[in-house]
Amino acid sequence: MNSPLKHLIALLAAAFLLGGCAPGNSGPPHPGAVNPYSNGGFHDAGPNYPDTGR
């Protein structure tokens, strides 16, 4: 039985779960991530990236 209520509940559940994917301040990316702010070299961490220790 596919009632409209079941579809609505499924839609609301999916929207609630995907709501966590909204843009926000999620912190720096993982250490192996590509750095779009780098001017070259591994030691150039760029903004919002963890310091590589150099």
PDB file of N, CA and C in Angstrom:
ATOM      1  N   MET A   1       0.856  -1.181   0.000  1.00  0.00           N
ATOM      2  CA  MET A   1       0.000   0.000   0.000  1.00  0.00           C
ATOM      3  C   MET A   1       0.900   1.242   0.000  1.00  0.00           C
ATOM      4  N   ASN A   2       0.811   2.010  -1.070  1.00  0.00           N
ATOM      5  CA  ASN A   2       1.620   3.218  -1.206  1.00  0.00           C
ATOM      6  C   ASN A   2       0.748   4.444  -0.979  1.00  0.00           C
ATOM      7  N   SER A   3       0.619   4.807   0.250  1.00  0.00           N
ATOM      8  CA  SER A   3      -0.188   5.984   0.561  1.00  0.00           C
ATOM      9  C   SER A   3       0.645   7.246   0.414  1.00  0.00           C
ATOM     10  N   PRO A   4       0.005   8.371   0.138  1.00  0.00           N
ATOM     11  CA  PRO A   4       0.744   9.637   0.038  1.00  0.00           C
ATOM     12  C   PRO A   4       1.474   9.989   1.336  1.00  0.00           C
ATOM     13  N   LEU A   5       0.954   9.518   2.459  1.00  0.00           N
ATOM     14  CA  LEU A   5       1.596   9.796   3.740  1.00  0.00           C
ATOM     15  C   LEU A   5       2.970   9.128   3.822  1.00  0.00           C
ATOM     16  N   LYS A   6       3.079   7.898   3.316  1.00  0.00           N
ATOM     17  CA  LYS A   6       4.372   7.212   3.319  1.00  0.00           C
ATOM     18  C   LYS A   6       5.379   7.954   2.447  1.00  0.00           C
ATOM     19  N   HIS A   7       4.925   8.449   1.307  1.00  0.00           N
ATOM     20  CA  HIS A   7       5.816   9.206   0.428  1.00  0.00           C
ATOM     21  C   HIS A   7       6.262  10.503   1.095  1.00  0.00           C
ATOM     22  N   LEU A   8       5.355  11.148   1.790  1.00  0.00           N
ATOM     23  CA  LEU A   8       5.690  12.388   2.479  1.00  0.00           C
ATOM     24  C   LEU A   8       6.696  12.127   3.599  1.00  0.00           C
ATOM     25  N   ILE A   9       6.485  11.076   4.350  1.00  0.00           N
ATOM     26  CA  ILE A   9       7.407  10.739   5.434  1.00  0.00           C
ATOM     27  C   ILE A   9       8.789  10.399   4.873  1.00  0.00           C
ATOM     28  N   ALA A  10       8.829   9.650   3.773  1.00  0.00           N
ATOM     29  CA  ALA A  10      10.113   9.314   3.157  1.00  0.00           C
ATOM     30  C   ALA A  10      10.813  10.565   2.645  1.00  0.00           C
ATOM     31  N   LEU A  11      10.065  11.483   2.057  1.00  0.00           N
ATOM     32  CA  LEU A  11      10.647  12.727   1.559  1.00  0.00           C
ATOM     33  C   LEU A  11      11.195  13.572   2.703  1.00  0.00           C
ATOM     34  N   LEU A  12      10.454  13.671   3.791  1.00  0.00           N
ATOM     35  CA  LEU A  12      10.916  14.441   4.941  1.00  0.00           C
ATOM     36  C   LEU A  12      12.149  13.802   5.580  1.00  0.00           C
ATOM     37  N   ALA A  13      12.180  12.481   5.639  1.00  0.00           N
ATOM     38  CA  ALA A  13      13.341  11.795   6.208  1.00  0.00           C
ATOM     39  C   ALA A  13      14.580  12.028   5.342  1.00  0.00           C
ATOM     40  N   ALA A  14      14.411  11.958   4.020  1.00  0.00           N
ATOM     41  CA  ALA A  14      15.548  12.202   3.127  1.00  0.00           C
ATOM     42  C   ALA A  14      16.027  13.641   3.244  1.00  0.00           C
ATOM     43  N   ALA A  15      15.094  14.588   3.336  1.00  0.00           N
ATOM     44  CA  ALA A  15      15.475  15.995   3.472  1.00  0.00           C
ATOM     45  C   ALA A  15      16.198  16.232   4.796  1.00  0.00           C
ATOM     46  N   PHE A  16      15.761  15.563   5.845  1.00  0.00           N
ATOM     47  CA  PHE A  16      16.409  15.706   7.149  1.00  0.00           C
ATOM     48  C   PHE A  16      17.828  15.148   7.121  1.00  0.00           C
ATOM     49  N   LEU A  17      18.003  13.985   6.496  1.00  0.00           N
ATOM     50  CA  LEU A  17      19.329  13.375   6.433  1.00  0.00           C
ATOM     51  C   LEU A  17      20.272  14.161   5.537  1.00  0.00           C
ATOM     52  N   LEU A  18      19.770  14.664   4.418  1.00  0.00           N
ATOM     53  CA  LEU A  18      20.612  15.425   3.503  1.00  0.00           C
ATOM     54  C   LEU A  18      20.819  16.857   3.971  1.00  0.00           C
ATOM     55  N   GLY A  19      20.065  17.297   4.958  1.00  0.00           N
ATOM     56  CA  GLY A  19      20.238  18.642   5.492  1.00  0.00           C
ATOM     57  C   GLY A  19      21.600  18.830   6.129  1.00  0.00           C
ATOM     58  N   GLY A  20      22.228  17.762   6.558  1.00  0.00           N
ATOM     59  CA  GLY A  20      23.567  17.834   7.113  1.00  0.00           C
ATOM     60  C   GLY A  20      24.632  18.111   6.070  1.00  0.00           C
ATOM     61  N   CYS A  21      24.271  17.999   4.802  1.00  0.00           N
ATOM     62  CA  CYS A  21      25.224  18.249   3.722  1.00  0.00           C
ATOM     63  C   CYS A  21      25.209  19.710   3.288  1.00  0.00           C
ATOM     64  N   ALA A  22      24.434  20.527   3.959  1.00  0.00           N
ATOM     65  CA  ALA A  22      24.355  21.938   3.585  1.00  0.00           C
ATOM     66  C   ALA A  22      25.693  22.618   3.829  1.00  0.00           C
ATOM     67  N   PRO A  23      26.001  23.652   3.041  1.00  0.00           N
ATOM     68  CA  PRO A  23      27.276  24.343   3.229  1.00  0.00           C
ATOM     69  C   PRO A  23      27.373  25.000   4.607  1.00  0.00           C
ATOM     70  N   GLY A  24      28.557  24.998   5.142  1.00  0.00           N
ATOM     71  CA  GLY A  24      28.784  25.598   6.449  1.00  0.00           C
ATOM     72  C   GLY A  24      30.256  25.520   6.797  1.00  0.00           C
ATOM     73  N   ASN A  25      30.576  25.859   8.017  1.00  0.00           N
ATOM     74  CA  ASN A  25      31.964  25.823   8.456  1.00  0.00           C
ATOM     75  C   ASN A  25      32.268  24.420   8.957  1.00  0.00           C
ATOM     76  N   SER A  26      32.781  23.602   8.070  1.00  0.00           N
ATOM     77  CA  SER A  26      33.047  22.218   8.441  1.00  0.00           C
ATOM     78  C   SER A  26      34.480  22.001   8.888  1.00  0.00           C
ATOM     79  N   GLY A  27      35.283  23.058   8.909  1.00  0.00           N
ATOM     80  CA  GLY A  27      36.666  22.937   9.332  1.00  0.00           C
ATOM     81  C   GLY A  27      37.569  22.609   8.165  1.00  0.00           C
ATOM     82  N   PRO A  28      38.838  22.415   8.429  1.00  0.00           N
ATOM     83  CA  PRO A  28      39.786  22.147   7.347  1.00  0.00           C
ATOM     84  C   PRO A  28      39.567  20.756   6.762  1.00  0.00           C
ATOM     85  N   PRO A  29      39.934  20.552   5.513  1.00  0.00           N
ATOM     86  CA  PRO A  29      39.788  19.232   4.901  1.00  0.00           C
ATOM     87  C   PRO A  29      40.831  18.259   5.435  1.00  0.00           C
ATOM     88  N   HIS A  30      40.719  17.028   5.049  1.00  0.00           N
ATOM     89  CA  HIS A  30      41.686  16.037   5.507  1.00  0.00           C
ATOM     90  C   HIS A  30      43.064  16.365   4.940  1.00  0.00           C
ATOM     91  N   PRO A  31      44.121  15.908   5.585  1.00  0.00           N
ATOM     92  CA  PRO A  31      45.482  16.316   5.205  1.00  0.00           C
ATOM     93  C   PRO A  31      45.878  15.986   3.770  1.00  0.00           C
ATOM     94  N   GLY A  32      45.253  15.005   3.150  1.00  0.00           N
ATOM     95  CA  GLY A  32      45.613  14.651   1.785  1.00  0.00           C
ATOM     96  C   GLY A  32      44.812  15.379   0.726  1.00  0.00           C
ATOM     97  N   ALA A  33      43.975  16.325   1.136  1.00  0.00           N
ATOM     98  CA  ALA A  33      43.108  17.005   0.179  1.00  0.00           C
ATOM     99  C   ALA A  33      43.902  17.940  -0.730  1.00  0.00           C
ATOM    100  N   VAL A  34      43.391  18.140  -1.928  1.00  0.00           N
ATOM    101  CA  VAL A  34      44.006  19.081  -2.865  1.00  0.00           C
ATOM    102  C   VAL A  34      43.793  20.487  -2.333  1.00  0.00           C
ATOM    103  N   ASN A  35      44.828  21.316  -2.384  1.00  0.00           N
ATOM    104  CA  ASN A  35      44.760  22.671  -1.848  1.00  0.00           C
ATOM    105  C   ASN A  35      44.606  23.674  -2.988  1.00  0.00           C
ATOM    106  N   PRO A  36      43.413  24.230  -3.181  1.00  0.00           N
ATOM    107  CA  PRO A  36      43.222  25.198  -4.265  1.00  0.00           C
ATOM    108  C   PRO A  36      43.885  26.543  -3.985  1.00  0.00           C
ATOM    109  N   TYR A  37      44.306  26.795  -2.748  1.00  0.00           N
ATOM    110  CA  TYR A  37      44.902  28.084  -2.387  1.00  0.00           C
ATOM    111  C   TYR A  37      46.426  28.055  -2.431  1.00  0.00           C
ATOM    112  N   SER A  38      47.010  26.902  -2.718  1.00  0.00           N
ATOM    113  CA  SER A  38      48.462  26.778  -2.665  1.00  0.00           C
ATOM    114  C   SER A  38      49.116  27.517  -3.822  1.00  0.00           C
ATOM    115  N   ASN A  39      50.222  28.194  -3.528  1.00  0.00           N
ATOM    116  CA  ASN A  39      51.019  28.851  -4.562  1.00  0.00           C
ATOM    117  C   ASN A  39      52.145  27.946  -5.029  1.00  0.00           C
ATOM    118  N   GLY A  40      52.153  26.754  -4.578  1.00  0.00           N
ATOM    119  CA  GLY A  40      53.176  25.800  -4.984  1.00  0.00           C
ATOM    120  C   GLY A  40      53.946  25.280  -3.792  1.00  0.00           C
ATOM    121  N   GLY A  41      54.317  24.039  -3.873  1.00  0.00           N
ATOM    122  CA  GLY A  41      55.089  23.428  -2.805  1.00  0.00           C
ATOM    123  C   GLY A  41      54.205  22.799  -1.746  1.00  0.00           C
ATOM    124  N   PHE A  42      54.717  21.747  -1.150  1.00  0.00           N
ATOM    125  CA  PHE A  42      53.946  21.032  -0.140  1.00  0.00           C
ATOM    126  C   PHE A  42      53.803  21.837   1.142  1.00  0.00           C
ATOM    127  N   HIS A  43      54.782  22.689   1.457  1.00  0.00           N
ATOM    128  CA  HIS A  43      54.772  23.398   2.733  1.00  0.00           C
ATOM    129  C   HIS A  43      53.800  24.574   2.749  1.00  0.00           C
ATOM    130  N   ASP A  44      53.276  24.981   1.596  1.00  0.00           N
ATOM    131  CA  ASP A  44      52.350  26.115   1.535  1.00  0.00           C
ATOM    132  C   ASP A  44      50.944  25.625   1.853  1.00  0.00           C
ATOM    133  N   ALA A  45      50.576  25.726   3.113  1.00  0.00           N
ATOM    134  CA  ALA A  45      49.296  25.156   3.531  1.00  0.00           C
ATOM    135  C   ALA A  45      48.105  25.955   3.041  1.00  0.00           C
ATOM    136  N   GLY A  46      48.192  27.269   2.993  1.00  0.00           N
ATOM    137  CA  GLY A  46      47.060  28.079   2.552  1.00  0.00           C
ATOM    138  C   GLY A  46      46.053  28.271   3.666  1.00  0.00           C
ATOM    139  N   PRO A  47      45.038  29.110   3.433  1.00  0.00           N
ATOM    140  CA  PRO A  47      44.038  29.383   4.469  1.00  0.00           C
ATOM    141  C   PRO A  47      43.151  28.166   4.731  1.00  0.00           C
ATOM    142  N   ASN A  48      42.792  27.977   5.973  1.00  0.00           N
ATOM    143  CA  ASN A  48      41.888  26.915   6.411  1.00  0.00           C
ATOM    144  C   ASN A  48      42.456  25.518   6.202  1.00  0.00           C
ATOM    145  N   TYR A  49      43.774  25.402   6.058  1.00  0.00           N
ATOM    146  CA  TYR A  49      44.390  24.098   5.927  1.00  0.00           C
ATOM    147  C   TYR A  49      45.342  23.888   7.099  1.00  0.00           C
ATOM    148  N   PRO A  50      45.461  22.646   7.567  1.00  0.00           N
ATOM    149  CA  PRO A  50      46.356  22.399   8.696  1.00  0.00           C
ATOM    150  C   PRO A  50      47.806  22.651   8.316  1.00  0.00           C
ATOM    151  N   ASP A  51      48.585  23.097   9.274  1.00  0.00           N
ATOM    152  CA  ASP A  51      50.001  23.347   9.054  1.00  0.00           C
ATOM    153  C   ASP A  51      50.714  22.018   8.831  1.00  0.00           C
ATOM    154  N   THR A  52      51.562  21.978   7.831  1.00  0.00           N
ATOM    155  CA  THR A  52      52.263  20.734   7.516  1.00  0.00           C
ATOM    156  C   THR A  52      53.553  20.577   8.306  1.00  0.00           C
ATOM    157  N   GLY A  53      53.909  21.564   9.127  1.00  0.00           N
ATOM    158  CA  GLY A  53      55.068  21.438   9.992  1.00  0.00           C
ATOM    159  C   GLY A  53      56.347  22.015   9.443  1.00  0.00           C
ATOM    160  N   ARG A  54      56.296  22.673   8.312  1.00  0.00           N
ATOM    161  CA  ARG A  54      57.513  23.273   7.752  1.00  0.00           C
ATOM    162  C   ARG A  54      57.474  24.764   7.875  1.00  0.00           C
TER     163      ARG A  54
END
